[in-house]
Structure formats: structure tokens, C-alpha cells
Protein backbone atom coordinates (compact mmCIF):
# COMPACT_ATOMS: atom_id res chain seq x y z
CA MET A 1 0.92 20.66 -4.03
CA SER A 2 -0.76 22.65 -1.29
CA ALA A 3 -4.53 22.41 -1.10
CA THR A 4 -7.11 23.92 1.17
CA GLY A 5 -10.84 23.52 1.64
CA SER A 6 -12.60 21.92 -1.28
CA ASP A 7 -9.31 21.24 -3.13
CA LEU A 8 -8.20 18.58 -0.67
CA PRO A 9 -7.49 15.22 -2.32
CA PHE A 10 -9.16 12.09 -1.01
CA GLY A 11 -7.52 8.73 -0.35
CA ILE A 12 -9.31 5.38 -0.31
CA ASP A 13 -7.70 2.20 0.99
CA PHE A 14 -9.52 -0.81 -0.46
CA GLY A 15 -8.87 -3.97 1.55
CA GLY A 16 -10.29 -7.45 1.75
CA THR A 17 -12.49 -6.73 4.78
CA GLY A 18 -12.88 -2.95 4.87
CA ILE A 19 -12.78 0.12 2.64
CA LYS A 20 -11.44 3.22 4.42
CA GLY A 21 -11.19 6.79 3.24
CA ALA A 22 -10.41 10.35 4.29
CA PRO A 23 -9.32 13.71 2.91
CA VAL A 24 -5.56 14.23 3.08
CA ASP A 25 -3.37 17.25 3.80
CA LEU A 26 -0.40 16.65 1.49
CA GLU A 27 1.67 19.39 3.08
CA ARG A 28 1.78 17.39 6.30
CA GLY A 29 1.08 13.92 4.99
CA GLU A 30 -1.81 13.50 7.39
CA LEU A 31 -5.52 12.76 7.33
CA THR A 32 -7.50 15.93 7.95
CA GLY A 33 -10.01 14.19 10.19
CA GLU A 34 -11.40 10.87 11.27
CA ARG A 35 -11.38 8.33 8.47
CA ALA A 36 -14.61 6.58 7.49
CA ARG A 37 -14.87 2.81 7.08
CA ILE A 38 -17.39 0.64 5.24
CA ASP A 39 -17.27 -3.16 5.09
CA THR A 40 -16.03 -4.54 1.79
CA PRO A 41 -19.06 -5.89 -0.10
CA ARG A 42 -19.49 -9.59 -0.85
CA PRO A 43 -18.77 -10.33 -3.60
CA SER A 44 -16.25 -7.50 -4.00
CA THR A 45 -16.86 -6.93 -7.71
CA PRO A 46 -15.65 -3.65 -9.24
CA THR A 47 -19.22 -2.39 -9.63
CA ALA A 48 -20.14 -3.17 -6.02
CA VAL A 49 -16.96 -1.55 -4.73
CA ALA A 50 -17.57 1.54 -6.87
CA GLU A 51 -20.88 2.02 -5.04
CA VAL A 52 -19.04 1.98 -1.71
CA PHE A 53 -16.54 4.53 -2.99
CA ALA A 54 -19.39 6.84 -4.00
CA GLU A 55 -20.93 6.46 -0.53
CA LEU A 56 -17.60 7.25 1.15
CA LEU A 57 -17.12 10.40 -0.90
CA GLU A 58 -20.64 11.59 -0.10
CA ARG A 59 -19.66 11.62 3.58
CA PHE A 60 -16.98 14.25 2.87
CA PRO A 61 -18.64 16.88 0.67
CA ASP A 62 -15.93 19.45 1.42
CA SER A 63 -13.24 17.32 -0.25
CA GLN A 64 -13.49 17.87 -4.00
CA GLY A 65 -9.91 17.22 -5.13
CA PRO A 66 -8.62 14.18 -7.02
CA VAL A 67 -9.29 10.72 -5.55
CA GLY A 68 -6.65 8.04 -5.11
CA VAL A 69 -7.60 4.40 -4.59
CA THR A 70 -5.41 1.51 -3.50
CA VAL A 71 -6.06 -1.90 -5.02
CA PRO A 72 -4.42 -5.17 -3.87
CA GLY A 73 -3.28 -6.06 -7.37
CA VAL A 74 -1.05 -5.01 -10.25
CA VAL A 75 -2.24 -1.76 -11.85
CA VAL A 76 -1.00 -0.61 -15.27
CA LYS A 77 -2.37 2.69 -16.63
CA GLY A 78 -5.44 2.38 -14.44
CA VAL A 79 -6.20 -1.20 -15.51
CA VAL A 80 -6.06 -3.96 -12.88
CA SER A 81 -4.24 -7.04 -14.16
CA SER A 82 -4.07 -9.30 -11.10
CA ALA A 83 -6.41 -10.14 -8.23
CA ALA A 84 -4.81 -12.51 -5.74
CA ASN A 85 -7.06 -11.66 -2.78
CA ILE A 86 -10.05 -9.92 -4.38
CA ASP A 87 -12.84 -10.84 -6.80
CA LYS A 88 -11.53 -12.16 -10.14
CA HIS A 89 -13.78 -9.74 -12.04
CA TRP A 90 -11.13 -7.09 -11.30
CA ILE A 91 -8.75 -8.63 -13.82
CA GLY A 92 -8.79 -6.49 -16.96
CA GLU A 93 -11.01 -3.82 -15.37
CA ASP A 94 -10.22 -0.20 -16.29
CA ALA A 95 -10.68 0.89 -12.69
CA ASP A 96 -9.70 4.51 -13.31
CA ARG A 97 -12.50 4.87 -15.86
CA LEU A 98 -15.08 2.90 -13.85
CA PHE A 99 -14.58 4.89 -10.66
CA THR A 100 -14.30 8.23 -12.45
CA ASP A 101 -17.58 7.58 -14.27
CA ARG A 102 -19.38 6.40 -11.11
CA THR A 103 -18.20 9.17 -8.79
CA GLY A 104 -17.87 12.07 -11.20
CA ARG A 105 -14.42 12.72 -9.75
CA ASP A 106 -10.90 12.34 -11.15
CA VAL A 107 -9.95 8.91 -9.77
CA HIS A 108 -6.53 7.25 -10.03
CA VAL A 109 -5.89 3.69 -8.91
CA VAL A 110 -2.55 2.46 -7.54
CA ASN A 111 -1.25 -0.81 -6.11
CA ASP A 112 -1.70 -0.82 -2.34
CA ALA A 113 1.95 -1.48 -1.48
CA ASP A 114 3.07 1.18 -3.96
CA ALA A 115 0.81 3.70 -2.23
CA ALA A 116 2.27 2.82 1.17
CA GLY A 117 5.76 3.07 -0.27
CA LEU A 118 5.17 6.53 -1.69
CA ALA A 119 3.80 7.72 1.66
CA GLU A 120 6.72 6.34 3.66
CA VAL A 121 9.28 7.90 1.30
CA ARG A 122 7.59 11.29 1.21
CA TYR A 123 6.50 11.58 4.84
CA GLY A 124 7.58 8.58 6.88
CA ALA A 125 10.54 6.38 7.75
CA ALA A 126 12.34 7.01 4.44
CA LYS A 127 11.75 10.76 4.23
CA GLY A 128 14.75 12.54 2.76
CA ARG A 129 16.54 9.32 1.81
CA ARG A 130 18.16 9.07 -1.61
CA GLY A 131 18.95 6.01 -3.68
CA LEU A 132 16.85 2.86 -3.72
CA VAL A 133 14.37 2.34 -0.89
CA ILE A 134 12.40 -0.90 -0.73
CA VAL A 135 9.21 -0.73 1.31
CA THR A 136 7.62 -4.07 2.22
CA THR A 137 4.20 -4.61 3.74
CA LEU A 138 3.88 -7.77 5.78
CA GLY A 139 0.33 -9.10 6.10
CA THR A 140 -1.72 -11.78 4.36
CA GLY A 141 1.00 -11.66 1.72
CA ILE A 142 4.07 -9.50 1.20
CA GLY A 143 3.60 -6.30 -0.77
CA SER A 144 6.54 -4.28 -2.03
CA ALA A 145 7.35 -0.86 -3.38
CA LEU A 146 10.57 0.20 -5.10
CA VAL A 147 11.27 3.92 -4.85
CA TYR A 148 14.44 5.37 -6.37
CA ASP A 149 15.31 8.98 -5.50
CA GLY A 150 11.64 9.53 -4.67
CA VAL A 151 10.35 8.06 -7.95
CA LEU A 152 8.13 4.98 -7.79
CA VAL A 153 8.97 1.94 -9.92
CA PRO A 154 5.47 0.38 -9.82
CA ASN A 155 4.18 -3.17 -9.46
CA SER A 156 7.35 -4.84 -8.18
CA GLU A 157 5.52 -7.80 -6.55
CA LEU A 158 8.62 -8.92 -4.64
CA GLY A 159 6.53 -11.04 -2.30
CA HIS A 160 6.37 -13.61 -5.09
CA LEU A 161 10.10 -14.25 -5.36
CA GLU A 162 10.86 -17.95 -5.22
CA ILE A 163 13.12 -18.73 -2.28
CA ASP A 164 14.14 -22.29 -1.40
CA GLY A 165 11.42 -23.60 -3.69
CA HIS A 166 8.65 -21.56 -2.08
CA ASP A 167 6.77 -18.38 -2.92
CA ALA A 168 8.39 -15.99 -0.43
CA GLU A 169 5.14 -14.68 1.03
CA LYS A 170 3.88 -18.20 1.74
CA ARG A 171 6.81 -18.64 4.14
CA ALA A 172 7.54 -15.17 5.45
CA ALA A 173 4.32 -13.12 5.51
CA THR A 174 2.59 -12.32 8.80
CA SER A 175 -0.06 -14.89 7.88
CA ALA A 176 2.62 -17.61 7.79
CA ARG A 177 3.78 -16.67 11.28
CA VAL A 178 0.22 -16.94 12.57
CA ARG A 179 -0.68 -20.08 10.61
CA GLU A 180 2.41 -21.97 11.76
CA ASP A 181 2.48 -20.41 15.23
CA LEU A 182 6.09 -19.29 14.74
CA SER A 183 8.03 -17.61 17.52
CA TRP A 184 9.41 -14.15 16.81
CA ASP A 185 12.90 -15.72 16.52
CA ASP A 186 11.80 -18.34 14.02
CA TRP A 187 9.88 -15.84 11.94
CA ALA A 188 12.85 -13.45 11.97
CA LYS A 189 15.02 -16.23 10.52
CA ARG A 190 12.63 -16.52 7.58
CA LEU A 191 12.57 -12.76 7.18
CA THR A 192 16.38 -12.74 7.23
CA THR A 193 16.35 -15.21 4.32
CA TYR A 194 13.85 -13.05 2.45
CA TYR A 195 15.55 -9.70 2.97
CA SER A 196 18.97 -11.23 2.27
CA LYS A 197 17.68 -12.26 -1.16
CA LEU A 198 16.41 -8.72 -1.80
CA GLU A 199 19.81 -7.39 -0.68
CA GLN A 200 21.55 -9.69 -3.11
CA LEU A 201 19.33 -8.66 -6.02
CA PHE A 202 18.93 -4.91 -5.46
CA SER A 203 21.56 -3.57 -3.00
CA PRO A 204 19.12 -0.98 -1.59
CA GLU A 205 19.99 1.91 0.67
CA LEU A 206 17.14 1.14 3.06
CA PHE A 207 14.36 -1.33 3.81
CA VAL A 208 11.13 -0.13 5.43
CA VAL A 209 8.86 -2.72 7.05
CA GLY A 210 5.16 -1.84 6.93
CA GLY A 211 1.84 -3.59 7.41
CA GLY A 212 -0.15 -3.88 10.62
CA ILE A 213 2.58 -5.96 12.25
CA SER A 214 4.96 -2.97 12.05
CA LYS A 215 3.51 -1.69 15.33
CA LYS A 216 5.26 -4.68 16.94
CA ALA A 217 8.51 -4.03 15.06
CA ASP A 218 10.57 -4.09 18.24
CA GLN A 219 9.70 -7.81 18.58
CA PHE A 220 11.24 -8.91 15.28
CA VAL A 221 13.04 -6.20 13.27
CA PRO A 222 16.16 -6.22 15.53
CA LEU A 223 16.36 -10.00 14.96
CA ILE A 224 16.66 -9.69 11.16
CA GLU A 225 20.33 -10.22 10.35
CA ILE A 226 21.18 -8.29 7.20
CA GLU A 227 23.70 -5.61 6.20
CA THR A 228 21.20 -3.05 4.92
CA GLU A 229 19.53 -0.64 7.33
CA ILE A 230 15.97 -1.73 8.07
CA LEU A 231 13.37 0.46 9.79
CA PRO A 232 9.70 0.09 10.76
CA ALA A 233 7.16 2.14 8.85
CA ARG A 234 5.81 5.26 10.56
CA LEU A 235 2.49 5.97 8.89
CA ARG A 236 1.03 2.53 9.64
CA ASN A 237 -2.73 2.45 8.97
CA ALA A 238 -2.72 5.87 7.30
CA ALA A 239 -0.07 4.95 4.70
CA GLY A 240 -2.45 3.61 2.06
CA ILE A 241 -4.83 6.56 2.25
CA VAL A 242 -2.06 9.16 2.27
CA GLY A 243 -0.14 7.45 -0.53
CA ALA A 244 -3.24 7.07 -2.69
CA ALA A 245 -4.11 10.76 -2.34
CA LEU A 246 -0.51 11.70 -3.16
CA TYR A 247 -0.47 9.44 -6.21
CA ALA A 248 -3.78 10.84 -7.49
CA THR A 249 -2.63 14.42 -7.06
CA GLU A 250 0.68 13.88 -8.83
CA ASN A 251 -0.94 11.92 -11.67
CA ASN A 252 -4.02 14.09 -12.11
CA ASP A 253 -4.70 15.39 -15.58
């Protein structure tokens, strides 16, 4: 897996407001320098986003390895099949082919939460852990990644479980806490309900809590009352980029 110089893989984290990218050292699970950021185009159609990816890659001419891209949607064999928070033109798009053709690089697309999950299991809070690890990303919605003995089970979408008649992420995501002005205690009660349901269904060895709010984990994670060990993510903002580069490298033809 080691790579030096021009062989370094590149990770791109495609979000609703910004597209960020950097070369990645997979030995250390770290960005090799300052990441670059470009505003997400409006509208964020696949073709418009592909142009941004090409521009990002041009800023790092020394990185010529495979390219991994996170997408906030379900991805099956490189084809995007859902688009909850991005332009609807993504649905049915063969993103692997589109981005490979536009950039001239080997590009592999992966769900954003799955990328973060891979990174946390390989390098972060769940490093060295066996059995089932469930990584959740709390933000606008709730993303999830199931990783069993280091192997990703993709596209779990556990933020959409129905709990008490509600889509779980509508009640327990970070956006719900902000929208309803919930105290940490009140939000933790909702998270307890959510993680208890995941416990009941999957009996995991470990939960990892990611997303931007994880930097305030001490405010709410100790208040979540479940049996399973639950830890804050470690890679934070780098998780998507690192996980995408890892995914691309391990899935490169």
C-alpha cells in the first residue's frame, strides 16, 4: 500500500457547500499537505462538479495515484442511486466513469459515511478493533458505515431507520439539535434512543461518533446511555479525504 512521490493517491470530499481535496499518505493515514477547497457549484450537477474535481487535481501535479471521491448518496459499482442533499441529476449517474473520463485518472466513488468509516477503522478510533464497528456521522443527517473485521458493508443508510414514527435523522441529527434548540441533555436522550435501536438490531462491538460535532464529544457522548462502548471519531475533517483515497487504492484496477 505504500506510495511515494507521484504514486500518492488523492482524496476528494464532496459536500453540499465545499469540495475539499488533498494527497494522502496511506501508511500514516494523513494528508501530505494543506488541503485545497473550492465552493460547491450551483447547481451541483455531476458535470459541474467534475470540472471542480479537475481543477483540484491540477493544483497537485505531484499526486498521480488513484483518486477517491466521497458522495453524499448511495453508490453501487460507481453508480449513484440516491441524492438526498445534492442535485437530483446524480441519480443514475455512473460517477466513476464520468470522473475518470473528465480527469484522465482512475477515479472511484464511495458513500461519504462509508469513507469516514473506513478511515476511522484503519487509522482512527476503531483501529485494531475486531468484530462489527458502526461509525455514525452526525450532521445535516445521520450517515453510517458498517465495518466487520475491517471489511466495509457499504450503503447501510442507518440514519433512515424509523424510530417512534420518525425518520431517525430528522430527530437525532445535529441539524435537529440546532433547529429545535435542544440542550445537550435533551439531544443525548434522542441519541440514546437511536443508538439503543442500533444496539438491538446489530449488537456491535463499538460505535464511533463522527461528523463536525464530534469535536464537542465531551458535551454529549458521556450522556448517551447504552451498553455498547461509544467513542468520538479521531480523524474529524480529514476522515472523508483519507477514507476516499484508501477506498480508491484498494479498489483500483
